[in-house]
Protein backbone atom coordinates (compact mmCIF):
# COMPACT_ATOMS: atom_id res chain seq x y z
CA MET A 1 107.38 127.78 86.41
CA ASP A 2 107.69 131.38 86.60
CA SER A 3 110.95 132.86 88.38
CA THR A 4 108.93 133.87 91.76
CA THR A 5 108.08 130.13 92.18
CA ASN A 6 111.82 128.95 91.33
CA ILE A 7 113.06 131.54 93.95
CA ILE A 8 110.63 130.52 96.83
CA LEU A 9 111.35 126.72 95.96
CA LEU A 10 115.24 127.52 96.14
CA LEU A 11 114.93 129.41 99.29
CA LEU A 12 112.82 126.66 100.84
CA ILE A 13 115.63 123.99 99.92
CA LEU A 14 118.30 126.43 101.21
CA ILE A 15 116.56 126.28 104.59
CA LEU A 16 116.11 122.88 104.70
CA TYR A 17 119.73 122.31 103.66
CA MET A 18 121.00 124.66 106.54
CA LEU A 19 118.79 123.21 109.35
CA PRO A 20 121.04 121.83 111.33
CA THR A 21 123.21 125.26 111.58
CA LEU A 22 119.95 127.34 112.19
CA LEU A 23 119.00 124.41 114.79
CA ALA A 24 122.49 124.82 116.52
CA PHE A 25 122.52 128.61 116.57
CA SER A 26 118.93 128.83 118.07
CA ARG A 27 119.80 126.33 120.64
CA GLU A 28 123.13 128.16 121.49
CA HIS A 29 125.13 125.03 120.86
CA PRO A 30 128.72 125.29 122.08
CA ARG A 31 130.20 123.78 118.59
CA ARG A 32 127.74 125.85 116.54
CA GLY A 33 130.64 127.12 114.30
CA ALA A 34 131.94 123.32 113.54
CA ILE A 35 128.33 122.36 112.89
CA GLY A 36 127.73 124.98 110.49
CA VAL A 37 130.90 124.27 108.62
CA ALA A 38 130.51 120.38 108.79
CA ASN A 39 126.85 121.17 107.41
CA ILE A 40 128.30 123.14 104.46
CA LEU A 41 131.14 120.57 103.82
CA ILE A 42 129.16 117.38 104.17
CA GLY A 43 125.80 118.21 104.45
CA TRP A 44 125.06 117.39 100.83
CA THR A 45 125.43 114.05 101.39
CA LEU A 46 122.19 112.54 103.08
CA ILE A 47 124.24 110.43 105.80
CA GLY A 48 126.12 113.65 106.24
CA TRP A 49 123.23 115.64 106.82
CA VAL A 50 121.62 113.23 109.16
CA VAL A 51 125.03 113.05 111.39
CA VAL A 52 125.26 117.07 111.53
CA PHE A 53 121.31 117.24 112.35
CA LEU A 54 121.66 114.68 115.10
CA TRP A 55 124.75 116.54 116.42
CA ALA A 56 122.85 119.70 116.56
CA ALA A 57 119.69 118.36 118.05
CA LEU A 58 121.25 116.02 120.52
CA GLY A 59 124.46 118.03 121.62
CA HIS A 60 124.43 118.87 125.47
CA VAL A 61 123.68 122.85 125.72
CA GLU A 62 124.14 124.06 129.35
CA GLU A 63 121.20 125.84 130.81
CA GLN A 64 121.28 129.66 130.96
CA PRO A 65 120.35 131.51 134.30
CA VAL A 66 117.13 133.65 133.89
C-alpha cells in the first residue's frame, strides 16, 4: 500500500474510534466531556467502546427551543 492509502485508512479508523464522542458533541449531550474522556481511556476495548457509544446515543438530551 502507498502512504496515501495508509493515511486515509488511519483517518477512517480514528473517526470510527471517536464516533461516540462525535455523536455526543453533535447531540449536545450534557456529559459530552466525560464521554470524550471515557472514549479515549476505555474505548480501545470493544466492551468499553460499546458502553460509551450507548451512553452517547441513548442519553437524555433536552430539547432546545427554536
